[in-house]
Amino acid sequence: MVNLRGGAFALAAIALFAGSDRAYSADWPLDAPPLRGTIAPSFARWDGWQVGIEGGYSNLNVSVGFTNGANFGGFFGYNWQWDQLVLGFDVGYKYASVLDFVDGTNTFQFKLVDYVPIRGRAGYAIGPFLPYALLGGAIGRFNYGNPIAGTGKTNAFNGGFLTGLGVDWLITPGVFVRAEWEYIAFAGLNGTTSQLNTGQLAIGVKF
């Protein structure tokens, strides 16, 4: 009889403990907060679409001289991200018609009207910053000729090689600013080669 009473008491105690444990567990949230001391990612997310506007100052160096001037435009692109590695592309449009070189005798003119850069980007996310390198190409629209004689060509399209360096800074979860150096070496056009060096700033959104 003693053993039966002892067994019944043990079963009742186990049932009471199990019931109280279930009731206690039900009070916990389904998604518990991270434990104190958990390390969160120390870099921003850059994957997805982005679009923005930009402006800069350029040096156009041609075979017989150079000229300087401002340009402005916009861009759109897309990024893929694996941990801190970010790969992406962007396509832009730049209006640059102030880059108009005329020699001292007014017998040679070479003008960059506008251009479209097509760029691949490789970067490494560090906190809110994304330093990156550029590689790609560009298509420029040029006017050239002899202003006095009235000879030459307008709207002549010419391709070139592009490279550069830059850094993006995420100032809010969806807005970033950019500082960048871009170099384009255009192919020869009517016997004239040209290189474009540009420092530029941009602001964009990502989504």
N, C-alpha and C. Protein backbone atom coordinates (compact mmCIF):
# COMPACT_ATOMS: atom_id res chain seq x y z
N MET A 1 0.83 -1.20 0.00
CA MET A 1 0.00 0.00 0.00
C MET A 1 0.86 1.26 0.00
N VAL A 2 1.98 1.19 0.76
CA VAL A 2 2.86 2.34 0.82
C VAL A 2 3.44 2.64 -0.56
N ASN A 3 3.83 1.49 -1.28
CA ASN A 3 4.42 1.71 -2.61
C ASN A 3 3.42 2.30 -3.58
N LEU A 4 2.13 1.88 -3.48
CA LEU A 4 1.11 2.44 -4.36
C LEU A 4 0.91 3.91 -4.08
N ARG A 5 0.83 4.26 -2.78
CA ARG A 5 0.68 5.67 -2.44
C ARG A 5 1.88 6.50 -2.93
N GLY A 6 3.09 5.94 -2.77
CA GLY A 6 4.29 6.65 -3.23
C GLY A 6 4.29 6.84 -4.74
N GLY A 7 3.85 5.80 -5.47
CA GLY A 7 3.82 5.91 -6.93
C GLY A 7 2.81 6.93 -7.38
N ALA A 8 1.64 6.94 -6.74
CA ALA A 8 0.61 7.91 -7.11
C ALA A 8 1.08 9.33 -6.84
N PHE A 9 1.77 9.51 -5.73
CA PHE A 9 2.29 10.85 -5.41
C PHE A 9 3.33 11.30 -6.43
N ALA A 10 4.21 10.37 -6.87
CA ALA A 10 5.24 10.71 -7.85
C ALA A 10 4.61 11.09 -9.18
N LEU A 11 3.58 10.33 -9.62
CA LEU A 11 2.91 10.64 -10.88
C LEU A 11 2.24 12.00 -10.82
N ALA A 12 1.59 12.31 -9.69
CA ALA A 12 0.93 13.60 -9.54
C ALA A 12 1.93 14.74 -9.58
N ALA A 13 3.11 14.53 -8.95
CA ALA A 13 4.13 15.57 -8.96
C ALA A 13 4.66 15.81 -10.37
N ILE A 14 4.86 14.71 -11.13
CA ILE A 14 5.36 14.84 -12.50
C ILE A 14 4.35 15.58 -13.36
N ALA A 15 3.06 15.23 -13.23
CA ALA A 15 2.01 15.88 -14.02
C ALA A 15 1.92 17.36 -13.68
N LEU A 16 2.01 17.68 -12.37
CA LEU A 16 1.95 19.08 -11.97
C LEU A 16 3.12 19.87 -12.53
N PHE A 17 4.31 19.28 -12.51
CA PHE A 17 5.50 19.96 -13.02
C PHE A 17 5.40 20.19 -14.53
N ALA A 18 4.94 19.15 -15.26
CA ALA A 18 4.82 19.27 -16.72
C ALA A 18 3.80 20.33 -17.09
N GLY A 19 2.68 20.38 -16.35
CA GLY A 19 1.65 21.38 -16.64
C GLY A 19 2.14 22.79 -16.38
N SER A 20 2.86 22.97 -15.27
CA SER A 20 3.37 24.30 -14.96
C SER A 20 4.43 24.72 -15.96
N ASP A 21 5.23 23.76 -16.49
CA ASP A 21 6.26 24.09 -17.46
C ASP A 21 5.64 24.53 -18.78
N ARG A 22 4.54 23.85 -19.20
CA ARG A 22 3.86 24.25 -20.43
C ARG A 22 3.26 25.63 -20.27
N ALA A 23 2.69 25.92 -19.10
CA ALA A 23 2.09 27.22 -18.88
C ALA A 23 3.15 28.32 -18.88
N TYR A 24 4.30 28.01 -18.32
CA TYR A 24 5.39 28.98 -18.28
C TYR A 24 5.94 29.24 -19.69
N SER A 25 6.07 28.14 -20.47
CA SER A 25 6.59 28.29 -21.83
C SER A 25 5.65 29.08 -22.70
N ALA A 26 4.34 28.95 -22.47
CA ALA A 26 3.37 29.67 -23.29
C ALA A 26 3.47 31.17 -23.10
N ASP A 27 4.04 31.62 -21.98
CA ASP A 27 4.19 33.05 -21.74
C ASP A 27 5.34 33.67 -22.53
N TRP A 28 6.26 32.86 -23.12
CA TRP A 28 7.40 33.38 -23.85
C TRP A 28 6.97 33.76 -25.26
N PRO A 29 7.55 34.79 -25.87
CA PRO A 29 7.22 35.14 -27.26
C PRO A 29 7.75 34.08 -28.21
N LEU A 30 7.11 33.95 -29.39
CA LEU A 30 7.53 32.96 -30.36
C LEU A 30 8.92 33.27 -30.89
N ASP A 31 9.23 34.55 -31.12
CA ASP A 31 10.54 34.96 -31.60
C ASP A 31 11.24 35.72 -30.48
N ALA A 32 12.06 35.00 -29.74
CA ALA A 32 12.75 35.63 -28.62
C ALA A 32 13.78 36.62 -29.13
N PRO A 33 14.03 37.70 -28.39
CA PRO A 33 15.06 38.66 -28.81
C PRO A 33 16.44 38.02 -28.76
N PRO A 34 17.39 38.53 -29.56
CA PRO A 34 18.73 37.95 -29.54
C PRO A 34 19.37 38.06 -28.17
N LEU A 35 20.21 37.10 -27.85
CA LEU A 35 20.88 37.08 -26.56
C LEU A 35 21.82 38.26 -26.45
N ARG A 36 21.99 38.75 -25.24
CA ARG A 36 22.94 39.83 -25.00
C ARG A 36 24.33 39.39 -25.44
N GLY A 37 25.00 40.27 -26.20
CA GLY A 37 26.32 39.93 -26.70
C GLY A 37 26.33 39.37 -28.10
N THR A 38 25.14 39.14 -28.72
CA THR A 38 25.10 38.65 -30.09
C THR A 38 25.70 39.69 -31.04
N ILE A 39 26.51 39.26 -32.00
CA ILE A 39 27.16 40.17 -32.93
C ILE A 39 26.27 40.34 -34.15
N ALA A 40 25.82 41.58 -34.42
CA ALA A 40 25.02 41.88 -35.60
C ALA A 40 25.95 42.16 -36.77
N PRO A 41 25.44 42.00 -38.03
CA PRO A 41 26.28 42.33 -39.19
C PRO A 41 26.80 43.76 -39.11
N SER A 42 28.07 43.95 -39.45
CA SER A 42 28.70 45.27 -39.31
C SER A 42 28.79 45.99 -40.65
N PHE A 43 27.94 45.61 -41.60
CA PHE A 43 27.96 46.24 -42.91
C PHE A 43 26.54 46.39 -43.44
N ALA A 44 26.36 47.38 -44.33
CA ALA A 44 25.04 47.66 -44.89
C ALA A 44 24.72 46.71 -46.03
N ARG A 45 23.43 46.61 -46.35
CA ARG A 45 22.97 45.86 -47.51
C ARG A 45 22.85 46.79 -48.70
N TRP A 46 23.45 46.39 -49.83
CA TRP A 46 23.45 47.21 -51.04
C TRP A 46 22.75 46.53 -52.21
N ASP A 47 22.22 45.33 -52.01
CA ASP A 47 21.61 44.62 -53.13
C ASP A 47 20.29 45.26 -53.55
N GLY A 48 19.97 45.15 -54.83
CA GLY A 48 18.73 45.69 -55.35
C GLY A 48 18.97 46.80 -56.37
N TRP A 49 17.88 47.39 -56.82
CA TRP A 49 17.93 48.46 -57.81
C TRP A 49 18.33 49.78 -57.17
N GLN A 50 18.94 50.64 -57.97
CA GLN A 50 19.29 51.97 -57.52
C GLN A 50 19.16 52.95 -58.69
N VAL A 51 18.83 54.18 -58.35
CA VAL A 51 18.69 55.24 -59.34
C VAL A 51 19.10 56.55 -58.70
N GLY A 52 19.69 57.48 -59.50
CA GLY A 52 20.15 58.72 -58.89
C GLY A 52 20.51 59.77 -59.93
N ILE A 53 20.91 60.93 -59.42
CA ILE A 53 21.37 62.04 -60.25
C ILE A 53 22.79 62.39 -59.83
N GLU A 54 23.56 62.98 -60.76
CA GLU A 54 24.96 63.25 -60.47
C GLU A 54 25.45 64.46 -61.26
N GLY A 55 26.52 65.04 -60.76
CA GLY A 55 27.16 66.15 -61.44
C GLY A 55 28.64 66.13 -61.16
N GLY A 56 29.44 66.67 -62.09
CA GLY A 56 30.87 66.63 -61.89
C GLY A 56 31.60 67.67 -62.71
N TYR A 57 32.92 67.60 -62.63
CA TYR A 57 33.78 68.52 -63.37
C TYR A 57 34.80 67.67 -64.12
N SER A 58 34.96 67.95 -65.42
CA SER A 58 35.76 67.09 -66.29
C SER A 58 36.89 67.85 -66.96
N ASN A 59 37.93 67.09 -67.29
CA ASN A 59 39.01 67.54 -68.14
C ASN A 59 38.99 66.68 -69.41
N LEU A 60 38.76 67.31 -70.56
CA LEU A 60 38.79 66.62 -71.85
C LEU A 60 40.12 66.93 -72.52
N ASN A 61 40.95 65.91 -72.65
CA ASN A 61 42.28 66.06 -73.23
C ASN A 61 42.26 65.49 -74.65
N VAL A 62 42.52 66.31 -75.64
CA VAL A 62 42.55 65.87 -77.03
C VAL A 62 43.99 65.91 -77.54
N SER A 63 44.19 65.46 -78.77
CA SER A 63 45.55 65.32 -79.30
C SER A 63 46.34 66.62 -79.28
N VAL A 64 45.66 67.76 -79.44
CA VAL A 64 46.38 69.04 -79.58
C VAL A 64 46.09 70.02 -78.45
N GLY A 65 45.45 69.60 -77.40
CA GLY A 65 45.15 70.51 -76.30
C GLY A 65 44.13 69.92 -75.35
N PHE A 66 43.53 70.77 -74.54
CA PHE A 66 42.55 70.28 -73.56
C PHE A 66 41.56 71.39 -73.25
N THR A 67 40.45 70.99 -72.61
CA THR A 67 39.45 71.93 -72.12
C THR A 67 38.81 71.34 -70.87
N ASN A 68 38.26 72.21 -70.03
CA ASN A 68 37.62 71.78 -68.78
C ASN A 68 36.18 72.27 -68.74
N GLY A 69 35.35 71.57 -67.97
CA GLY A 69 33.98 72.02 -67.82
C GLY A 69 33.15 71.06 -67.00
N ALA A 70 31.95 71.51 -66.67
CA ALA A 70 31.02 70.72 -65.84
C ALA A 70 30.19 69.78 -66.70
N ASN A 71 29.68 68.75 -66.08
CA ASN A 71 28.70 67.87 -66.71
C ASN A 71 27.70 67.42 -65.66
N PHE A 72 26.57 66.95 -66.10
CA PHE A 72 25.56 66.46 -65.16
C PHE A 72 24.70 65.42 -65.86
N GLY A 73 24.01 64.62 -65.07
CA GLY A 73 23.18 63.56 -65.64
C GLY A 73 22.57 62.68 -64.57
N GLY A 74 22.31 61.43 -64.92
CA GLY A 74 21.68 60.49 -64.00
C GLY A 74 22.11 59.07 -64.32
N PHE A 75 21.66 58.13 -63.49
CA PHE A 75 22.06 56.73 -63.66
C PHE A 75 21.00 55.82 -63.04
N PHE A 76 21.01 54.55 -63.48
CA PHE A 76 20.27 53.49 -62.81
C PHE A 76 21.11 52.23 -62.87
N GLY A 77 20.91 51.32 -61.92
CA GLY A 77 21.70 50.10 -61.90
C GLY A 77 21.15 49.08 -60.93
N TYR A 78 21.90 48.00 -60.77
CA TYR A 78 21.48 46.89 -59.89
C TYR A 78 22.71 46.30 -59.23
N ASN A 79 22.56 45.89 -57.96
CA ASN A 79 23.64 45.25 -57.21
C ASN A 79 23.23 43.87 -56.73
N TRP A 80 24.20 42.96 -56.69
CA TRP A 80 24.06 41.68 -56.01
C TRP A 80 25.06 41.66 -54.85
N GLN A 81 24.69 41.03 -53.74
CA GLN A 81 25.57 41.05 -52.56
C GLN A 81 25.67 39.67 -51.93
N TRP A 82 26.92 39.28 -51.62
CA TRP A 82 27.22 38.06 -50.88
C TRP A 82 28.08 38.46 -49.69
N ASP A 83 27.46 38.47 -48.50
CA ASP A 83 28.14 39.00 -47.32
C ASP A 83 28.62 40.42 -47.62
N GLN A 84 29.93 40.65 -47.62
CA GLN A 84 30.43 42.01 -47.84
C GLN A 84 30.80 42.28 -49.30
N LEU A 85 30.86 41.24 -50.12
CA LEU A 85 31.18 41.41 -51.53
C LEU A 85 29.96 41.90 -52.30
N VAL A 86 30.11 42.98 -53.06
CA VAL A 86 29.02 43.55 -53.85
C VAL A 86 29.46 43.68 -55.31
N LEU A 87 28.68 43.09 -56.21
CA LEU A 87 28.90 43.20 -57.64
C LEU A 87 27.67 43.83 -58.28
N GLY A 88 27.87 44.69 -59.25
CA GLY A 88 26.72 45.34 -59.86
C GLY A 88 27.06 45.99 -61.19
N PHE A 89 26.07 46.65 -61.75
CA PHE A 89 26.26 47.40 -62.98
C PHE A 89 25.43 48.67 -62.91
N ASP A 90 25.79 49.66 -63.71
CA ASP A 90 24.92 50.82 -63.87
C ASP A 90 25.09 51.41 -65.27
N VAL A 91 24.07 52.09 -65.71
CA VAL A 91 24.04 52.76 -67.01
C VAL A 91 23.64 54.20 -66.75
N GLY A 92 24.35 55.15 -67.35
CA GLY A 92 24.07 56.55 -67.09
C GLY A 92 23.93 57.37 -68.36
N TYR A 93 23.64 58.64 -68.15
CA TYR A 93 23.64 59.61 -69.24
C TYR A 93 24.27 60.88 -68.71
N LYS A 94 25.23 61.46 -69.46
CA LYS A 94 25.92 62.69 -69.05
C LYS A 94 25.82 63.74 -70.16
N TYR A 95 25.39 64.91 -69.80
CA TYR A 95 25.36 66.05 -70.72
C TYR A 95 26.60 66.88 -70.47
N ALA A 96 27.40 67.10 -71.53
CA ALA A 96 28.71 67.71 -71.33
C ALA A 96 29.07 68.68 -72.44
N SER A 97 28.12 69.41 -72.97
CA SER A 97 28.39 70.21 -74.17
C SER A 97 29.31 71.40 -73.91
N VAL A 98 29.61 71.72 -72.66
CA VAL A 98 30.58 72.80 -72.41
C VAL A 98 32.01 72.33 -72.66
N LEU A 99 32.22 71.02 -72.86
CA LEU A 99 33.56 70.50 -73.15
C LEU A 99 33.83 70.68 -74.65
N ASP A 100 34.21 71.89 -74.99
CA ASP A 100 34.33 72.31 -76.39
C ASP A 100 35.72 72.92 -76.60
N PHE A 101 36.59 72.15 -77.25
CA PHE A 101 37.95 72.63 -77.49
C PHE A 101 38.05 73.29 -78.87
N VAL A 102 38.62 74.50 -78.91
CA VAL A 102 38.92 75.21 -80.16
C VAL A 102 40.37 75.67 -80.09
N ASP A 103 41.14 75.36 -81.13
CA ASP A 103 42.56 75.73 -81.08
C ASP A 103 42.74 77.24 -81.26
N GLY A 104 43.98 77.71 -81.09
CA GLY A 104 44.24 79.15 -81.11
C GLY A 104 43.99 79.83 -82.45
N THR A 105 44.03 79.06 -83.52
CA THR A 105 43.82 79.65 -84.86
C THR A 105 42.37 79.52 -85.31
N ASN A 106 41.55 78.92 -84.48
CA ASN A 106 40.13 78.73 -84.80
C ASN A 106 39.92 77.89 -86.06
N THR A 107 40.89 77.00 -86.32
CA THR A 107 40.75 76.12 -87.49
C THR A 107 40.46 74.67 -87.09
N PHE A 108 40.40 74.40 -85.78
CA PHE A 108 40.09 73.04 -85.33
C PHE A 108 39.21 73.11 -84.10
N GLN A 109 38.08 72.42 -84.15
CA GLN A 109 37.15 72.34 -83.03
C GLN A 109 36.84 70.87 -82.75
N PHE A 110 36.78 70.55 -81.44
CA PHE A 110 36.46 69.18 -81.03
C PHE A 110 35.59 69.27 -79.77
N LYS A 111 34.36 68.85 -79.88
CA LYS A 111 33.39 69.06 -78.80
C LYS A 111 32.72 67.75 -78.41
N LEU A 112 32.72 67.47 -77.10
CA LEU A 112 31.96 66.34 -76.57
C LEU A 112 30.57 66.85 -76.16
N VAL A 113 29.54 66.38 -76.83
CA VAL A 113 28.17 66.84 -76.55
C VAL A 113 27.59 66.12 -75.34
N ASP A 114 27.61 64.80 -75.37
CA ASP A 114 27.10 63.99 -74.26
C ASP A 114 27.64 62.57 -74.41
N TYR A 115 27.42 61.75 -73.41
CA TYR A 115 27.90 60.37 -73.49
C TYR A 115 27.12 59.47 -72.55
N VAL A 116 27.19 58.17 -72.83
CA VAL A 116 26.50 57.14 -72.05
C VAL A 116 27.54 56.17 -71.49
N PRO A 117 27.80 56.19 -70.18
CA PRO A 117 28.71 55.20 -69.58
C PRO A 117 27.95 53.92 -69.21
N ILE A 118 28.57 52.78 -69.50
CA ILE A 118 28.01 51.47 -69.15
C ILE A 118 29.08 50.77 -68.33
N ARG A 119 28.80 50.54 -67.04
CA ARG A 119 29.87 50.21 -66.10
C ARG A 119 29.53 48.98 -65.25
N GLY A 120 30.54 48.14 -65.07
CA GLY A 120 30.48 47.10 -64.06
C GLY A 120 31.18 47.58 -62.80
N ARG A 121 30.66 47.15 -61.62
CA ARG A 121 31.23 47.62 -60.36
C ARG A 121 31.51 46.42 -59.45
N ALA A 122 32.63 46.48 -58.75
CA ALA A 122 32.97 45.48 -57.73
C ALA A 122 33.37 46.22 -56.46
N GLY A 123 32.67 45.94 -55.36
CA GLY A 123 32.93 46.66 -54.12
C GLY A 123 32.94 45.75 -52.91
N TYR A 124 33.29 46.34 -51.77
CA TYR A 124 33.38 45.61 -50.50
C TYR A 124 32.75 46.48 -49.42
N ALA A 125 31.65 46.01 -48.85
CA ALA A 125 30.89 46.79 -47.87
C ALA A 125 31.64 46.86 -46.54
N ILE A 126 31.80 48.08 -46.03
CA ILE A 126 32.44 48.32 -44.73
C ILE A 126 31.55 49.28 -43.96
N GLY A 127 30.82 48.80 -42.96
CA GLY A 127 29.88 49.65 -42.25
C GLY A 127 28.87 50.24 -43.22
N PRO A 128 28.65 51.57 -43.19
CA PRO A 128 27.71 52.18 -44.14
C PRO A 128 28.35 52.56 -45.46
N PHE A 129 29.63 52.20 -45.66
CA PHE A 129 30.37 52.60 -46.86
C PHE A 129 30.54 51.43 -47.82
N LEU A 130 30.62 51.78 -49.12
CA LEU A 130 30.88 50.79 -50.16
C LEU A 130 31.96 51.34 -51.11
N PRO A 131 33.23 51.12 -50.82
CA PRO A 131 34.27 51.46 -51.80
C PRO A 131 34.24 50.45 -52.95
N TYR A 132 34.50 50.93 -54.18
CA TYR A 132 34.37 50.04 -55.33
C TYR A 132 35.29 50.49 -56.46
N ALA A 133 35.50 49.56 -57.40
CA ALA A 133 36.24 49.83 -58.63
C ALA A 133 35.30 49.67 -59.82
N LEU A 134 35.62 50.40 -60.89
CA LEU A 134 34.78 50.43 -62.09
C LEU A 134 35.53 49.88 -63.28
N LEU A 135 34.79 49.22 -64.18
CA LEU A 135 35.34 48.76 -65.45
C LEU A 135 34.19 48.67 -66.44
N GLY A 136 34.39 49.23 -67.63
CA GLY A 136 33.31 49.19 -68.61
C GLY A 136 33.65 49.95 -69.86
N GLY A 137 32.64 50.56 -70.44
CA GLY A 137 32.82 51.30 -71.68
C GLY A 137 31.88 52.49 -71.72
N ALA A 138 32.02 53.30 -72.77
CA ALA A 138 31.18 54.48 -72.94
C ALA A 138 30.99 54.75 -74.43
N ILE A 139 29.88 55.39 -74.75
CA ILE A 139 29.60 55.84 -76.10
C ILE A 139 29.40 57.35 -76.04
N GLY A 140 30.23 58.10 -76.78
CA GLY A 140 30.17 59.55 -76.77
C GLY A 140 29.66 60.10 -78.10
N ARG A 141 29.06 61.28 -78.03
CA ARG A 141 28.60 61.98 -79.23
C ARG A 141 29.43 63.25 -79.38
N PHE A 142 30.09 63.40 -80.52
CA PHE A 142 31.05 64.48 -80.73
C PHE A 142 30.67 65.32 -81.96
N ASN A 143 31.11 66.59 -81.91
CA ASN A 143 31.15 67.46 -83.09
C ASN A 143 32.60 67.84 -83.33
N TYR A 144 33.04 67.82 -84.57
CA TYR A 144 34.42 68.19 -84.85
C TYR A 144 34.51 68.81 -86.25
N GLY A 145 35.58 69.57 -86.48
CA GLY A 145 35.79 70.14 -87.81
C GLY A 145 36.54 71.44 -87.78
N ASN A 146 36.46 72.17 -88.87
CA ASN A 146 37.11 73.47 -89.05
C ASN A 146 36.02 74.54 -89.05
N PRO A 147 35.90 75.33 -87.97
CA PRO A 147 34.82 76.33 -87.91
C PRO A 147 34.89 77.37 -89.02
N ILE A 148 36.10 77.75 -89.46
CA ILE A 148 36.23 78.78 -90.49
C ILE A 148 35.80 78.24 -91.86
N ALA A 149 36.28 77.05 -92.18
CA ALA A 149 35.95 76.47 -93.47
C ALA A 149 34.54 75.87 -93.50
N GLY A 150 33.97 75.66 -92.33
CA GLY A 150 32.64 75.06 -92.29
C GLY A 150 32.63 73.59 -92.62
N THR A 151 33.76 72.92 -92.44
CA THR A 151 33.84 71.48 -92.70
C THR A 151 33.86 70.72 -91.39
N GLY A 152 33.57 69.44 -91.45
CA GLY A 152 33.57 68.59 -90.26
C GLY A 152 32.31 67.75 -90.18
N LYS A 153 32.00 67.33 -88.99
CA LYS A 153 30.85 66.44 -88.79
C LYS A 153 30.22 66.71 -87.43
N THR A 154 28.93 66.63 -87.37
CA THR A 154 28.19 66.73 -86.10
C THR A 154 27.56 65.39 -85.77
N ASN A 155 27.34 65.18 -84.48
CA ASN A 155 26.70 63.95 -84.00
C ASN A 155 27.45 62.70 -84.47
N ALA A 156 28.77 62.73 -84.30
CA ALA A 156 29.60 61.56 -84.61
C ALA A 156 29.75 60.72 -83.34
N PHE A 157 29.31 59.46 -83.41
CA PHE A 157 29.36 58.59 -82.23
C PHE A 157 30.68 57.83 -82.19
N ASN A 158 31.21 57.69 -80.96
CA ASN A 158 32.52 57.07 -80.79
C ASN A 158 32.55 56.33 -79.46
N GLY A 159 33.15 55.16 -79.46
CA GLY A 159 33.22 54.35 -78.24
C GLY A 159 34.53 54.51 -77.51
N GLY A 160 34.54 54.08 -76.24
CA GLY A 160 35.75 54.18 -75.44
C GLY A 160 35.77 53.20 -74.29
N PHE A 161 36.94 53.06 -73.68
CA PHE A 161 37.19 52.21 -72.51
C PHE A 161 37.06 53.04 -71.25
N LEU A 162 36.46 52.47 -70.21
CA LEU A 162 36.18 53.21 -68.97
C LEU A 162 36.73 52.45 -67.77
N THR A 163 37.28 53.20 -66.82
CA THR A 163 37.66 52.66 -65.52
C THR A 163 37.50 53.76 -64.47
N GLY A 164 37.67 53.40 -63.21
CA GLY A 164 37.52 54.42 -62.16
C GLY A 164 37.43 53.81 -60.78
N LEU A 165 37.30 54.70 -59.78
CA LEU A 165 37.17 54.32 -58.37
C LEU A 165 36.11 55.20 -57.74
N GLY A 166 35.45 54.67 -56.70
CA GLY A 166 34.45 55.47 -56.02
C GLY A 166 34.09 54.89 -54.67
N VAL A 167 33.22 55.61 -53.96
CA VAL A 167 32.71 55.14 -52.68
C VAL A 167 31.28 55.65 -52.51
N ASP A 168 30.40 54.75 -52.10
CA ASP A 168 29.02 55.09 -51.75
C ASP A 168 28.89 55.12 -50.23
N TRP A 169 28.04 56.01 -49.73
CA TRP A 169 27.80 56.14 -48.29
C TRP A 169 26.30 56.11 -48.06
N LEU A 170 25.83 55.09 -47.34
CA LEU A 170 24.41 54.94 -47.05
C LEU A 170 24.04 55.83 -45.87
N ILE A 171 23.32 56.94 -46.15
CA ILE A 171 23.01 57.90 -45.09
C ILE A 171 21.66 57.61 -44.43
N THR A 172 20.76 56.89 -45.11
CA THR A 172 19.53 56.35 -44.53
C THR A 172 19.36 54.96 -45.13
N PRO A 173 18.41 54.14 -44.65
CA PRO A 173 18.26 52.80 -45.22
C PRO A 173 17.99 52.78 -46.72
N GLY A 174 17.50 53.88 -47.30
CA GLY A 174 17.19 53.87 -48.72
C GLY A 174 17.87 54.95 -49.53
N VAL A 175 18.72 55.78 -48.91
CA VAL A 175 19.33 56.91 -49.63
C VAL A 175 20.85 56.85 -49.44
N PHE A 176 21.60 57.07 -50.54
CA PHE A 176 23.05 57.08 -50.45
C PHE A 176 23.61 58.26 -51.23
N VAL A 177 24.83 58.65 -50.87
CA VAL A 177 25.58 59.66 -51.62
C VAL A 177 26.85 59.00 -52.15
N ARG A 178 27.41 59.61 -53.18
CA ARG A 178 28.53 58.98 -53.90
C ARG A 178 29.58 60.02 -54.25
N ALA A 179 30.85 59.61 -54.14
CA ALA A 179 31.99 60.39 -54.64
C ALA A 179 32.79 59.46 -55.55
N GLU A 180 33.23 59.99 -56.70
CA GLU A 180 33.77 59.09 -57.71
C GLU A 180 34.76 59.79 -58.64
N TRP A 181 35.76 59.04 -59.08
CA TRP A 181 36.64 59.44 -60.18
C TRP A 181 36.43 58.47 -61.33
N GLU A 182 36.26 59.01 -62.54
CA GLU A 182 35.99 58.19 -63.72
C GLU A 182 36.91 58.62 -64.86
N TYR A 183 37.48 57.65 -65.55
CA TYR A 183 38.39 57.90 -66.67
C TYR A 183 37.87 57.17 -67.91
N ILE A 184 37.79 57.88 -69.03
CA ILE A 184 37.36 57.27 -70.29
C ILE A 184 38.39 57.61 -71.36
N ALA A 185 38.88 56.60 -72.06
CA ALA A 185 39.77 56.78 -73.21
C ALA A 185 38.97 56.45 -74.47
N PHE A 186 38.62 57.47 -75.22
CA PHE A 186 37.85 57.26 -76.44
C PHE A 186 38.77 56.84 -77.59
N ALA A 187 38.21 56.08 -78.52
CA ALA A 187 38.97 55.70 -79.71
C ALA A 187 39.20 56.92 -80.59
N GLY A 188 40.14 56.80 -81.52
CA GLY A 188 40.42 57.90 -82.42
C GLY A 188 39.23 58.25 -83.30
N LEU A 189 39.03 59.55 -83.50
CA LEU A 189 37.92 60.04 -84.31
C LEU A 189 38.46 61.07 -85.29
N ASN A 190 38.45 60.72 -86.57
CA ASN A 190 39.01 61.58 -87.61
C ASN A 190 40.46 61.97 -87.30
N GLY A 191 41.20 61.01 -86.77
CA GLY A 191 42.60 61.23 -86.45
C GLY A 191 42.86 61.89 -85.11
N THR A 192 41.81 62.15 -84.32
CA THR A 192 41.96 62.82 -83.02
C THR A 192 41.58 61.85 -81.90
N THR A 193 42.49 61.65 -80.95
CA THR A 193 42.19 60.85 -79.77
C THR A 193 41.78 61.79 -78.63
N SER A 194 41.04 61.25 -77.69
CA SER A 194 40.58 62.06 -76.55
C SER A 194 40.43 61.20 -75.31
N GLN A 195 40.73 61.81 -74.16
CA GLN A 195 40.57 61.16 -72.85
C GLN A 195 39.78 62.10 -71.94
N LEU A 196 38.91 61.51 -71.16
CA LEU A 196 38.05 62.29 -70.27
C LEU A 196 38.28 61.87 -68.83
N ASN A 197 38.72 62.80 -68.00
CA ASN A 197 38.87 62.59 -66.55
C ASN A 197 37.79 63.38 -65.83
N THR A 198 37.03 62.70 -64.96
CA THR A 198 35.90 63.35 -64.30
C THR A 198 35.90 63.02 -62.81
N GLY A 199 35.76 64.06 -61.98
CA GLY A 199 35.43 63.89 -60.56
C GLY A 199 33.97 64.26 -60.37
N GLN A 200 33.19 63.43 -59.70
CA GLN A 200 31.76 63.67 -59.63
C GLN A 200 31.16 63.25 -58.30
N LEU A 201 30.03 63.90 -57.97
CA LEU A 201 29.25 63.59 -56.78
C LEU A 201 27.83 63.20 -57.23
N ALA A 202 27.21 62.32 -56.44
CA ALA A 202 25.87 61.86 -56.80
C ALA A 202 25.05 61.62 -55.53
N ILE A 203 23.74 61.60 -55.71
CA ILE A 203 22.82 61.16 -54.66
C ILE A 203 21.83 60.22 -55.31
N GLY A 204 21.50 59.14 -54.60
CA GLY A 204 20.62 58.14 -55.19
C GLY A 204 19.77 57.45 -54.14
N VAL A 205 18.83 56.66 -54.62
CA VAL A 205 17.99 55.84 -53.76
C VAL A 205 18.12 54.39 -54.20
N LYS A 206 17.96 53.48 -53.26
CA LYS A 206 17.99 52.05 -53.58
C LYS A 206 16.71 51.39 -53.09
N PHE A 207 16.27 50.40 -53.82
CA PHE A 207 15.01 49.73 -53.47
C PHE A 207 15.01 48.31 -53.98
